[in-house]
Protein backbone atom coordinates (compact mmCIF):
# COMPACT_ATOMS: atom_id res chain seq x y z
CA MET A 1 4.19 32.33 -17.06
CA GLN A 2 3.67 28.58 -16.33
CA SER A 3 7.74 28.00 -17.31
CA PHE A 4 8.10 30.40 -14.01
CA GLY A 5 5.81 28.55 -11.89
CA ASP A 6 7.75 24.97 -13.06
CA ALA A 7 10.87 26.74 -11.79
CA VAL A 8 9.80 27.72 -9.26
CA ASN A 9 8.59 24.27 -8.10
CA ARG A 10 11.86 22.59 -9.45
CA MET A 11 14.00 25.30 -7.35
CA SER A 12 11.24 24.10 -4.08
CA TYR A 13 12.31 20.77 -4.79
CA ASP A 14 15.83 20.99 -5.16
CA MET A 15 16.48 23.42 -2.15
CA GLY A 16 14.30 20.17 -0.27
CA GLY A 17 15.98 17.62 -1.14
CA LYS A 18 19.30 19.37 -0.29
CA LEU A 19 18.07 20.97 3.08
CA SER A 20 16.72 17.20 3.73
CA HIS A 21 20.44 15.57 2.81
CA TYR A 22 22.20 18.16 4.94
CA TYR A 23 19.60 17.45 8.52
CA GLN A 24 20.74 13.89 7.39
CA SER A 25 24.28 14.97 7.37
CA LEU A 26 23.88 16.82 10.81
CA GLN A 27 22.41 13.88 12.23
CA SER A 28 25.31 11.49 11.21
CA ARG A 29 27.92 13.87 12.50
CA TYR A 30 26.15 15.32 15.65
CA GLY A 31 23.19 12.80 16.41
CA ASP A 32 20.18 13.11 16.41
CA PRO A 33 19.26 16.28 18.68
CA ARG A 34 16.26 14.58 20.84
CA VAL A 35 18.57 11.46 20.97
CA TYR A 36 21.49 14.07 22.73
CA ALA A 37 19.19 15.82 24.90
CA MET A 38 17.69 12.94 26.44
CA GLN A 39 21.66 11.66 26.69
CA GLU A 40 22.54 14.76 28.64
CA GLU A 41 19.84 14.22 30.55
CA GLU A 42 20.66 10.54 31.53
CA MET A 43 24.60 12.15 31.88
CA ARG A 44 22.63 14.82 34.64
CA ALA A 45 20.87 11.94 36.67
CA ARG A 46 23.57 9.67 36.77
CA SER A 47 25.95 12.92 37.86
CA ALA A 48 23.71 13.89 40.47
CA VAL A 49 23.48 10.45 41.90
CA ALA A 50 27.08 10.17 42.17
CA ALA A 51 27.06 13.65 43.56
CA HIS A 52 24.55 12.23 46.38
CA ALA A 53 26.61 9.07 46.55
CA ARG A 54 29.84 11.05 47.76
CA ALA A 55 27.64 13.55 50.01
CA SER A 56 26.20 10.59 52.15
CA SER A 57 29.44 8.90 51.98
CA ALA A 58 30.93 11.89 53.35
CA ALA A 59 27.93 12.76 55.84
CA GLU A 60 28.74 9.00 57.12
CA ALA A 61 32.12 9.64 57.51
CA LEU A 62 31.61 12.82 59.57
CA GLN A 63 29.33 11.26 61.42
CA SER A 64 30.69 7.75 62.33
CA ALA A 65 33.97 10.10 63.39
CA TYR A 66 31.36 12.23 65.68
CA TYR A 67 30.19 9.52 67.31
CA SER A 68 33.70 7.63 67.82
CA GLN A 69 35.16 10.68 68.98
CA GLN A 70 32.03 11.74 71.24
CA GLU A 71 32.71 8.04 72.77
CA THR A 72 36.35 8.49 73.25
CA ILE A 73 35.67 11.78 75.09
CA SER A 74 32.76 10.65 77.36
CA LYS A 75 35.18 7.36 78.14
CA ALA A 76 37.82 9.95 79.26
CA HIS A 77 35.52 11.83 81.67
CA GLN A 78 34.14 8.80 83.12
CA LEU A 79 37.32 8.00 84.12
CA ARG A 80 37.89 11.19 85.32
CA MET A 81 35.42 11.41 87.34
CA GLU A 82 36.04 8.35 88.66
CA ARG A 83 39.32 9.14 89.83
CA LEU A 84 38.09 12.33 91.19
CA GLN A 85 35.34 10.10 93.29
CA GLY A 86 38.12 7.99 94.66
CA ARG A 87 40.43 11.01 96.09
CA ASN A 88 37.30 12.40 97.46
CA LEU A 89 36.66 9.32 99.12
CA VAL A 90 40.05 9.19 100.38
CA SER A 91 40.48 12.65 101.54
CA SER A 92 36.74 12.81 103.64
CA ALA A 93 38.15 9.53 105.13
CA ALA A 94 41.32 11.97 106.42
CA PRO A 95 41.07 14.45 109.14
CA ALA A 96 40.43 17.83 107.37
CA GLN A 97 43.45 20.38 107.02
CA THR A 98 42.33 23.90 107.02
CA PRO A 99 44.80 26.46 108.01
CA ALA A 100 43.67 27.95 111.27
CA HIS A 101 42.70 31.44 111.21
CA SER A 102 43.51 31.95 114.94
CA GLU A 103 47.78 31.60 113.76
CA GLN A 104 47.50 34.52 111.18
CA SER A 105 48.02 37.49 112.42
CA GLN A 106 45.26 40.54 112.34
CA LEU A 107 46.08 44.08 111.37
CA PRO A 108 44.46 46.68 113.82
CA PRO A 109 41.38 48.15 112.47
CA PRO A 110 42.79 51.74 110.83
CA GLN A 111 42.77 55.01 113.08
CA ASP A 112 40.72 57.94 111.76
CA ALA A 113 42.86 61.15 110.83
């Protein structure tokens, strides 16, 4: 029986060595899973920072375009209003010319049948 116990111990020790060697070869080939997880988290963080920077720069560009367009529209409106006020001042100084209603022919009222 003791030889059986010794065989189990040798087999267990041998399998432990093989598993240890296999684990070390995996780490050398693919790296430590914990290190890999930390590197992946760092890559995600960098990606998030880059995405935020792109979004904020796009938002700033849109806001800048909006304000410049708003300013252009406001200046154009102000010019139109100044021109319109200038016309109103000139036309209010001239006598008002409205069509005379008395010159238009008036139709007789309809007759009941």
